[in-house]
Amino acid sequence: MRDTNRTQRIAFACLQAATILIVIPVALIVLLVLFRGLPGLSLEFIFSMPREGMRAGGIFPAIVGTTYLVLGAAVFSIPLGILAAIYLNEYAPKSRLTRLIELAIINLAGVPSIVYGLFGLGLFVIFLNFGSSILAGSLTLAIEGLPVIITATREALGAVPRSFREVSYSLGASRWQTVRHVVLPNAVPGIMTGTILELSRAAGETAPILFTVAAFYLPRLPQSVYDQAMALPYHIYVLSTQVPGVSVKIQYGTVLVLVGMIFILNVIAAYIRARFRKRKTW
C-alpha cells in the first residue's frame, strides 16, 4: 500500500513538473509580448495605413487582409469539411478505399504548411490564373485546414451514442433525418470547437500566404478577391527581417494584435462549447 501511494505521489509530481515546464515558457512569451507591445498600441496604430515603408503609421490593411483570408478559408473549408466528415462517418462503407481515404486525411494533417503554399502557388496562382490574390490565399488555407476540420467533425460525430441513431431508426426516420435532427445537433460543440481552433491557426499561418496572397507593402485596402493583401503573420516577418530601423513597439504591437485576434477566436470556441454542452442531457 505504501509503495502504491509513493508511486502515485511520484507520478503526480512528474505530471505537475511537466505542466509547469509547458506553462512557464508560454507565460513568459505572453508577458514579453504584452510588455513590449502595449506601449505601441493605439487607435491610430490599429486603424491607420502604414507610412514611410512601414516604419510609421498603422497596420489596418494587415488586419483587414487577415480577416478576409480567415473568412474566405472558412467559407470554403467548413461546409466541405463537415459534409465530407458526415459522409465518411455515416454513409461510407467500411472498405479498403475508405480506409485509404482516412489514412490520407490523417497524413495530410501533418504535411508542412510550406508544402501547401507551393501547392497553392502551382494550382491557384499559376494554373487557374487567379494570380497572387485573396482568392488564391483563402483556397490554400482552406485546403490546409480541411484535414483538421474533417478529423474534428468525425470525432464529434463518433462521440454521439449509437443508441441515439438506433432509436431514431426505430421511429421510422431515414438516415439523413437521423443525421440532421439527432446526430448533428449533439455533435455541434465538438464540430464548432475544432473548426474555430483551426481557423485561429490559419490566422497565424505565414508560409501558405507567402506564395499566394501576401504583399510586402500595400498601404491601401483590397478592392476585390483578386487583389493582393497584407496579412499580419507575413507583416510581422517583414518587420522583423526585411525592414531596418523599425521600432520595437511597432514589431511587438503587431504581434500583440495577432495574438489578440487568435485569443478572441479561442474564447469564442470555448464559449460555444460551454453553451452547447449545457444543453446536453447525456
Protein backbone atom coordinates (compact mmCIF):
# COMPACT_ATOMS: atom_id res chain seq x y z
CA MET A 1 0.00 0.00 0.00
CA ARG A 2 2.84 2.35 0.87
CA ASP A 3 4.54 1.58 -2.42
CA THR A 4 1.32 2.37 -4.28
CA ASN A 5 0.93 5.74 -2.54
CA ARG A 6 4.56 6.60 -3.14
CA THR A 7 4.27 5.70 -6.82
CA GLN A 8 1.15 7.83 -7.08
CA ARG A 9 2.89 10.81 -5.49
CA ILE A 10 5.84 10.45 -7.82
CA ALA A 11 3.53 10.25 -10.83
CA PHE A 12 1.60 13.37 -9.73
CA ALA A 13 4.87 15.23 -9.14
CA CYS A 14 6.08 14.35 -12.65
CA LEU A 15 2.78 15.48 -14.16
CA GLN A 16 2.90 18.76 -12.26
CA ALA A 17 6.51 19.35 -13.33
CA ALA A 18 5.60 18.68 -16.96
CA THR A 19 2.69 21.11 -16.70
CA ILE A 20 4.91 23.80 -15.20
CA LEU A 21 7.55 23.28 -17.90
CA ILE A 22 4.87 23.87 -20.52
CA VAL A 23 3.12 26.81 -18.85
CA ILE A 24 6.17 28.86 -17.85
CA PRO A 25 7.60 29.40 -21.39
CA VAL A 26 4.15 30.28 -22.74
CA ALA A 27 3.55 32.71 -19.88
CA LEU A 28 6.96 34.33 -20.40
CA ILE A 29 6.29 34.79 -24.12
CA VAL A 30 2.88 36.36 -23.43
CA LEU A 31 4.34 38.68 -20.79
CA LEU A 32 7.15 39.72 -23.14
CA VAL A 33 4.69 40.48 -25.94
CA LEU A 34 2.47 42.45 -23.56
CA PHE A 35 5.37 44.37 -22.02
CA ARG A 36 6.85 45.40 -25.37
CA GLY A 37 3.66 45.59 -27.41
CA LEU A 38 1.28 47.57 -25.21
CA PRO A 39 3.26 50.85 -25.50
CA GLY A 40 2.81 50.69 -29.28
CA LEU A 41 -0.93 50.08 -29.26
CA SER A 42 -3.28 52.94 -30.06
CA LEU A 43 -6.33 53.63 -32.18
CA GLU A 44 -4.10 55.23 -34.79
CA PHE A 45 -1.86 52.18 -34.88
CA ILE A 46 -4.83 49.84 -35.37
CA PHE A 47 -6.93 51.90 -37.79
CA SER A 48 -4.41 53.83 -39.92
CA MET A 49 -2.39 52.95 -43.03
CA PRO A 50 1.34 52.19 -42.87
CA ARG A 51 3.71 55.01 -43.83
CA GLU A 52 7.38 55.53 -44.51
CA GLY A 53 7.95 51.98 -45.67
CA MET A 54 6.13 50.53 -42.62
CA ARG A 55 8.36 52.40 -40.17
CA ALA A 56 5.40 54.54 -39.10
CA GLY A 57 1.62 54.57 -39.29
CA GLY A 58 -0.62 51.63 -38.55
CA ILE A 59 -1.47 48.08 -39.55
CA PHE A 60 -5.10 48.40 -40.62
CA PRO A 61 -4.56 46.86 -44.10
CA ALA A 62 -2.88 43.84 -42.49
CA ILE A 63 -5.77 43.39 -40.05
CA VAL A 64 -8.34 43.63 -42.85
CA GLY A 65 -6.32 41.26 -45.05
CA THR A 66 -6.03 38.67 -42.28
CA THR A 67 -9.78 38.92 -41.63
CA TYR A 68 -10.58 38.43 -45.31
CA LEU A 69 -8.30 35.39 -45.52
CA VAL A 70 -9.79 33.74 -42.44
CA LEU A 71 -13.35 34.39 -43.63
CA GLY A 72 -12.51 33.09 -47.11
CA ALA A 73 -10.90 29.96 -45.69
CA ALA A 74 -13.98 29.40 -43.51
CA VAL A 75 -16.37 29.76 -46.46
CA PHE A 76 -14.51 27.14 -48.48
CA SER A 77 -13.35 24.70 -45.81
CA ILE A 78 -16.15 24.46 -43.23
CA PRO A 79 -19.05 23.26 -45.47
CA LEU A 80 -16.82 20.91 -47.46
CA GLY A 81 -15.06 19.53 -44.39
CA ILE A 82 -18.27 18.90 -42.45
CA LEU A 83 -20.02 17.27 -45.41
CA ALA A 84 -17.00 15.04 -46.09
CA ALA A 85 -16.88 14.00 -42.43
CA ILE A 86 -20.61 13.21 -42.41
CA TYR A 87 -20.21 11.00 -45.47
CA LEU A 88 -17.17 9.17 -44.11
CA ASN A 89 -18.69 8.64 -40.67
CA GLU A 90 -22.35 7.98 -41.50
CA TYR A 91 -22.58 6.77 -45.10
CA ALA A 92 -19.28 5.41 -46.44
CA PRO A 93 -18.98 1.60 -46.40
CA LYS A 94 -16.14 0.10 -44.40
CA SER A 95 -13.90 -0.82 -47.32
CA ARG A 96 -10.24 -0.64 -48.24
CA LEU A 97 -10.88 2.56 -50.21
CA THR A 98 -12.47 4.21 -47.18
CA ARG A 99 -9.52 3.23 -45.01
CA LEU A 100 -7.10 4.66 -47.60
CA ILE A 101 -9.03 7.93 -47.65
CA GLU A 102 -8.99 8.12 -43.86
CA LEU A 103 -5.25 7.43 -43.83
CA ALA A 104 -4.68 10.11 -46.47
CA ILE A 105 -6.62 12.65 -44.39
CA ILE A 106 -4.55 11.86 -41.30
CA ASN A 107 -1.32 12.19 -43.29
CA LEU A 108 -2.42 15.47 -44.88
CA ALA A 109 -2.94 16.94 -41.42
CA GLY A 110 0.79 16.51 -40.82
CA VAL A 111 2.05 17.99 -44.10
CA PRO A 112 4.20 21.12 -43.52
CA SER A 113 2.45 24.39 -44.35
CA ILE A 114 5.16 25.35 -46.83
CA VAL A 115 4.08 22.42 -49.00
CA TYR A 116 0.52 23.75 -49.07
CA GLY A 117 1.92 27.13 -50.04
CA LEU A 118 3.78 25.64 -53.01
CA PHE A 119 0.67 23.66 -53.96
CA GLY A 120 -1.43 26.83 -53.87
CA LEU A 121 1.16 28.63 -55.97
CA GLY A 122 1.13 25.93 -58.63
CA LEU A 123 -2.62 25.31 -58.73
CA PHE A 124 -4.39 28.57 -57.89
CA VAL A 125 -1.85 31.26 -58.74
CA ILE A 126 -0.38 29.78 -61.93
CA PHE A 127 -2.61 27.02 -63.35
CA LEU A 128 -6.02 28.55 -62.58
CA ASN A 129 -4.59 32.03 -63.21
CA PHE A 130 -6.01 33.59 -60.04
CA GLY A 131 -2.72 35.37 -59.54
CA SER A 132 -1.45 36.39 -56.15
CA SER A 133 -4.81 37.22 -54.62
CA ILE A 134 -7.12 36.85 -51.64
CA LEU A 135 -8.97 34.10 -53.51
CA ALA A 136 -5.80 32.04 -54.04
CA GLY A 137 -4.70 32.55 -50.42
CA SER A 138 -8.11 31.66 -48.99
CA LEU A 139 -8.34 28.48 -51.07
CA THR A 140 -4.83 27.45 -50.00
CA LEU A 141 -5.65 27.99 -46.32
CA ALA A 142 -8.94 26.13 -46.80
CA ILE A 143 -7.18 23.09 -48.26
CA GLU A 144 -4.67 23.14 -45.42
CA GLY A 145 -7.47 23.24 -42.86
CA LEU A 146 -9.67 20.55 -44.41
CA PRO A 147 -7.92 17.52 -42.81
CA VAL A 148 -8.22 19.04 -39.32
CA ILE A 149 -11.87 20.03 -39.79
CA ILE A 150 -12.76 16.60 -41.17
CA THR A 151 -10.98 14.84 -38.32
CA ALA A 152 -12.54 17.06 -35.63
CA THR A 153 -16.01 16.63 -37.14
CA ARG A 154 -15.66 12.86 -37.34
CA GLU A 155 -14.56 12.73 -33.70
CA ALA A 156 -17.59 14.80 -32.71
CA LEU A 157 -19.97 12.64 -34.74
CA GLY A 158 -18.43 9.46 -33.36
CA ALA A 159 -18.93 10.72 -29.79
CA VAL A 160 -22.72 10.73 -30.22
CA PRO A 161 -24.02 7.46 -28.69
CA ARG A 162 -25.02 4.78 -31.17
CA SER A 163 -28.27 4.30 -29.28
CA PHE A 164 -29.45 7.74 -30.45
CA ARG A 165 -29.28 6.58 -34.05
CA GLU A 166 -30.97 3.26 -33.29
CA VAL A 167 -33.88 4.95 -31.54
CA SER A 168 -34.29 7.35 -34.45
CA TYR A 169 -34.32 4.50 -36.97
CA SER A 170 -36.83 2.58 -34.87
CA LEU A 171 -39.19 5.56 -35.07
CA GLY A 172 -39.09 5.44 -38.86
CA ALA A 173 -36.60 8.22 -39.56
CA SER A 174 -34.35 7.95 -42.57
CA ARG A 175 -30.58 8.05 -42.30
CA TRP A 176 -30.43 11.71 -43.40
CA GLN A 177 -33.20 12.69 -40.98
CA THR A 178 -31.29 10.96 -38.21
CA VAL A 179 -28.07 12.74 -39.11
CA ARG A 180 -29.75 16.11 -39.45
CA HIS A 181 -32.04 16.09 -36.42
CA VAL A 182 -30.27 13.75 -33.98
CA VAL A 183 -26.56 13.37 -34.69
CA LEU A 184 -25.56 16.87 -35.83
CA PRO A 185 -27.26 18.81 -33.01
CA ASN A 186 -25.44 16.68 -30.44
CA ALA A 187 -22.12 16.97 -32.30
CA VAL A 188 -22.21 20.75 -32.74
CA PRO A 189 -19.95 21.61 -29.74
CA GLY A 190 -17.12 19.41 -30.97
CA ILE A 191 -17.54 20.50 -34.58
CA MET A 192 -17.57 24.21 -33.75
CA THR A 193 -14.65 23.95 -31.35
CA GLY A 194 -12.43 22.10 -33.82
CA THR A 195 -13.42 24.40 -36.67
CA ILE A 196 -12.77 27.66 -34.83
CA LEU A 197 -9.45 26.41 -33.46
CA GLU A 198 -8.40 25.52 -36.99
CA LEU A 199 -9.39 28.98 -38.22
CA SER A 200 -7.34 30.54 -35.43
CA ARG A 201 -4.37 28.51 -36.61
CA ALA A 202 -5.00 29.67 -40.18
CA ALA A 203 -4.94 33.29 -38.99
CA GLY A 204 -1.34 32.81 -37.87
CA GLU A 205 -0.04 30.95 -40.93
CA THR A 206 2.78 32.57 -42.91
CA ALA A 207 4.07 30.00 -45.41
CA PRO A 208 0.80 29.35 -47.34
CA ILE A 209 0.11 33.06 -47.88
CA LEU A 210 3.74 33.85 -48.67
CA PHE A 211 3.33 32.42 -52.20
CA THR A 212 -0.33 33.13 -52.83
CA VAL A 213 -1.51 36.49 -51.50
CA ALA A 214 0.77 38.39 -49.13
CA ALA A 215 2.02 41.80 -50.24
CA PHE A 216 5.23 43.30 -48.87
CA TYR A 217 3.92 46.86 -48.58
CA LEU A 218 0.41 47.83 -49.67
CA PRO A 219 -0.93 50.97 -47.95
CA ARG A 220 -4.49 50.51 -49.19
CA LEU A 221 -7.36 48.10 -48.71
CA PRO A 222 -8.09 45.33 -51.24
CA GLN A 223 -10.98 46.08 -53.59
CA SER A 224 -11.81 42.54 -54.76
CA VAL A 225 -10.92 38.89 -54.15
CA TYR A 226 -8.40 39.12 -56.99
CA ASP A 227 -6.29 41.75 -55.22
CA GLN A 228 -3.23 41.14 -53.11
CA ALA A 229 -3.46 41.95 -49.43
CA MET A 230 -1.24 42.48 -46.45
CA ALA A 231 -1.57 39.95 -43.65
CA LEU A 232 -0.45 40.12 -40.04
CA PRO A 233 1.78 36.97 -39.97
CA TYR A 234 3.69 38.00 -43.07
CA HIS A 235 3.75 41.62 -41.91
CA ILE A 236 5.44 40.53 -38.67
CA TYR A 237 8.00 38.54 -40.65
CA VAL A 238 8.73 41.52 -42.90
CA LEU A 239 9.06 43.95 -39.99
CA SER A 240 11.43 41.59 -38.20
CA THR A 241 13.71 40.67 -41.10
CA GLN A 242 13.31 42.95 -44.11
CA VAL A 243 12.80 46.50 -42.85
CA PRO A 244 15.70 48.06 -40.95
CA GLY A 245 15.12 50.68 -38.31
CA VAL A 246 11.61 49.61 -37.31
CA SER A 247 10.65 50.48 -33.76
CA VAL A 248 10.37 47.58 -31.35
CA LYS A 249 6.98 48.96 -30.30
CA ILE A 250 5.66 48.51 -33.85
CA GLN A 251 7.01 44.96 -34.12
CA TYR A 252 5.63 43.74 -30.81
CA GLY A 253 2.45 45.79 -31.19
CA THR A 254 1.72 43.90 -34.42
CA VAL A 255 2.43 40.60 -32.68
CA LEU A 256 0.10 41.59 -29.85
CA VAL A 257 -2.73 42.37 -32.28
CA LEU A 258 -2.34 38.97 -33.97
CA VAL A 259 -2.22 37.17 -30.62
CA GLY A 260 -5.32 39.11 -29.58
CA MET A 261 -7.23 38.03 -32.69
CA ILE A 262 -6.30 34.38 -32.12
CA PHE A 263 -7.18 34.67 -28.43
CA ILE A 264 -10.63 36.05 -29.32
CA LEU A 265 -11.25 33.11 -31.67
CA ASN A 266 -10.25 30.67 -28.93
CA VAL A 267 -12.54 32.38 -26.43
CA ILE A 268 -15.41 32.14 -28.92
CA ALA A 269 -14.70 28.42 -29.34
CA ALA A 270 -14.70 27.88 -25.57
CA TYR A 271 -17.94 29.84 -25.16
CA ILE A 272 -19.74 27.91 -27.89
CA ARG A 273 -18.56 24.60 -26.46
CA ALA A 274 -19.69 25.51 -22.95
CA ARG A 275 -23.06 26.81 -24.12
CA PHE A 276 -23.92 23.75 -26.18
CA ARG A 277 -22.69 21.35 -23.50
CA LYS A 278 -25.23 22.82 -21.08
CA ARG A 279 -27.98 21.68 -23.42
CA LYS A 280 -26.83 18.07 -23.39
CA THR A 281 -28.94 15.63 -21.47
CA TRP A 282 -26.48 12.74 -21.69
